[in-house]
Amino acid sequence: MSEMKLTEQKCRPCEGLADKLSPELIQTYLGQIEGWRLAPGAKIVKEYVLADFAAALKFVNAIGATAEAEGHHPDLSISYDKVAVSLWTHALNGLSVNDFILAAKIDKLFQPSL
């Protein structure tokens, strides 16, 4: 595991990833991203609450731009003032470091007062 902060890392192409993360590494990475939890299906999930629909939509668009830049894409759900994010590495059918990198970058984007 790298000493570099997750927000300073770049997602790697899924083809270059060896295996999904071990349960121990998953717990280590979860300790670095506040409010995310492990969900069924080997996913990490988090819900963000914003001021209103416009703020939620703006946040989703920022997530989309970051996801495109990283080449790693979450499942997103928007409901008026809430945005739910679900991450896992489809190619591995499990979690990789990419999921935690993107989670940390999404957290950095979040501004509840938008």
Protein backbone atom coordinates (compact mmCIF):
# COMPACT_ATOMS: atom_id res chain seq x y z
CA MET A 1 0.00 0.00 0.00
CA SER A 2 1.31 3.41 -0.94
CA GLU A 3 2.20 6.07 1.65
CA MET A 4 0.77 8.72 -0.69
CA LYS A 5 -2.68 10.14 0.21
CA LEU A 6 -5.51 8.64 -1.79
CA THR A 7 -6.37 12.06 -3.26
CA GLU A 8 -2.83 12.33 -4.63
CA GLN A 9 -3.02 9.02 -6.49
CA LYS A 10 -4.39 8.32 -9.96
CA CYS A 11 -6.67 5.43 -10.84
CA ARG A 12 -4.95 2.72 -12.87
CA PRO A 13 -6.55 1.02 -15.86
CA CYS A 14 -8.58 -1.95 -14.65
CA GLU A 15 -6.67 -4.27 -16.98
CA GLY A 16 -3.52 -3.47 -14.99
CA LEU A 17 -5.03 -4.48 -11.65
CA ALA A 18 -4.07 -7.91 -10.38
CA ASP A 19 -6.75 -8.96 -7.91
CA LYS A 20 -9.46 -7.49 -5.78
CA LEU A 21 -8.37 -6.20 -2.40
CA SER A 22 -8.14 -8.47 0.63
CA PRO A 23 -10.57 -7.86 3.52
CA GLU A 24 -7.65 -6.47 5.55
CA LEU A 25 -6.71 -3.91 2.89
CA ILE A 26 -10.36 -2.95 2.46
CA GLN A 27 -10.57 -2.14 6.18
CA THR A 28 -7.31 -0.16 6.00
CA TYR A 29 -8.57 1.92 3.08
CA LEU A 30 -12.01 2.39 4.67
CA GLY A 31 -10.20 3.98 7.59
CA GLN A 32 -8.93 6.66 5.19
CA ILE A 33 -12.32 7.72 3.80
CA GLU A 34 -14.83 9.10 6.27
CA GLY A 35 -18.45 7.98 6.14
CA TRP A 36 -18.06 5.29 3.49
CA ARG A 37 -19.26 1.81 4.35
CA LEU A 38 -18.90 -1.66 2.93
CA ALA A 39 -22.12 -2.84 1.27
CA PRO A 40 -23.30 -6.20 -0.07
CA GLY A 41 -21.78 -7.12 -3.40
CA ALA A 42 -18.29 -5.96 -2.39
CA LYS A 43 -19.07 -2.28 -2.89
CA ILE A 44 -18.40 0.86 -0.91
CA VAL A 45 -21.25 3.35 -0.59
CA LYS A 46 -21.93 6.79 0.81
CA GLU A 47 -24.83 9.23 0.78
CA TYR A 48 -24.29 12.98 0.68
CA VAL A 49 -26.91 15.55 1.73
CA LEU A 50 -26.89 18.90 -0.03
CA ALA A 51 -28.94 22.10 0.12
CA ASP A 52 -31.38 21.29 -2.70
CA PHE A 53 -31.76 19.62 -6.10
CA ALA A 54 -29.64 22.21 -7.92
CA ALA A 55 -26.75 21.64 -5.48
CA ALA A 56 -27.13 17.86 -5.78
CA LEU A 57 -27.07 18.08 -9.57
CA LYS A 58 -23.99 20.32 -9.49
CA PHE A 59 -22.26 17.79 -7.22
CA VAL A 60 -23.18 14.88 -9.52
CA ASN A 61 -21.74 16.77 -12.49
CA ALA A 62 -18.49 17.40 -10.58
CA ILE A 63 -18.32 13.69 -9.69
CA GLY A 64 -18.86 12.84 -13.36
CA ALA A 65 -16.00 15.06 -14.49
CA THR A 66 -13.66 13.57 -11.89
CA ALA A 67 -14.73 10.03 -12.77
CA GLU A 68 -14.02 10.67 -16.45
CA ALA A 69 -10.60 12.13 -15.64
CA GLU A 70 -9.78 9.08 -13.52
CA GLY A 71 -11.24 6.55 -15.96
CA HIS A 72 -13.18 4.95 -13.10
CA HIS A 73 -16.94 5.35 -12.87
CA PRO A 74 -19.32 5.12 -9.90
CA ASP A 75 -23.01 4.35 -9.82
CA LEU A 76 -24.85 7.53 -8.84
CA SER A 77 -28.36 8.16 -7.61
CA ILE A 78 -29.88 11.59 -7.04
CA SER A 79 -33.00 12.30 -4.99
CA TYR A 80 -33.80 15.99 -4.48
CA ASP A 81 -31.11 16.96 -1.95
CA LYS A 82 -29.29 13.62 -1.68
CA VAL A 83 -26.65 11.93 -3.82
CA ALA A 84 -25.86 8.27 -3.26
CA VAL A 85 -22.55 6.94 -4.60
CA SER A 86 -21.64 3.28 -5.04
CA LEU A 87 -18.16 2.15 -6.08
CA TRP A 88 -16.59 -1.14 -7.05
CA THR A 89 -14.32 -2.34 -9.81
CA HIS A 90 -16.55 -4.02 -12.36
CA ALA A 91 -13.65 -5.79 -14.10
CA LEU A 92 -12.70 -7.50 -10.82
CA ASN A 93 -16.24 -7.88 -9.48
CA GLY A 94 -14.87 -6.50 -6.22
CA LEU A 95 -12.94 -3.63 -4.71
CA SER A 96 -9.63 -2.23 -5.92
CA VAL A 97 -7.54 0.71 -4.80
CA ASN A 98 -9.23 2.70 -7.61
CA ASP A 99 -12.49 2.65 -5.67
CA PHE A 100 -10.86 4.22 -2.63
CA ILE A 101 -8.95 6.79 -4.71
CA LEU A 102 -12.16 7.92 -6.38
CA ALA A 103 -14.06 7.90 -3.06
CA ALA A 104 -11.44 10.20 -1.52
CA LYS A 105 -11.59 12.53 -4.53
CA ILE A 106 -15.41 12.62 -4.37
CA ASP A 107 -15.21 13.53 -0.67
CA LYS A 108 -12.85 16.37 -1.58
CA LEU A 109 -15.42 17.71 -4.10
CA PHE A 110 -18.26 17.73 -1.58
CA GLN A 111 -19.42 21.13 -0.36
CA PRO A 112 -22.69 20.78 1.56
CA SER A 113 -23.47 24.49 1.30
CA LEU A 114 -23.48 24.54 -2.51
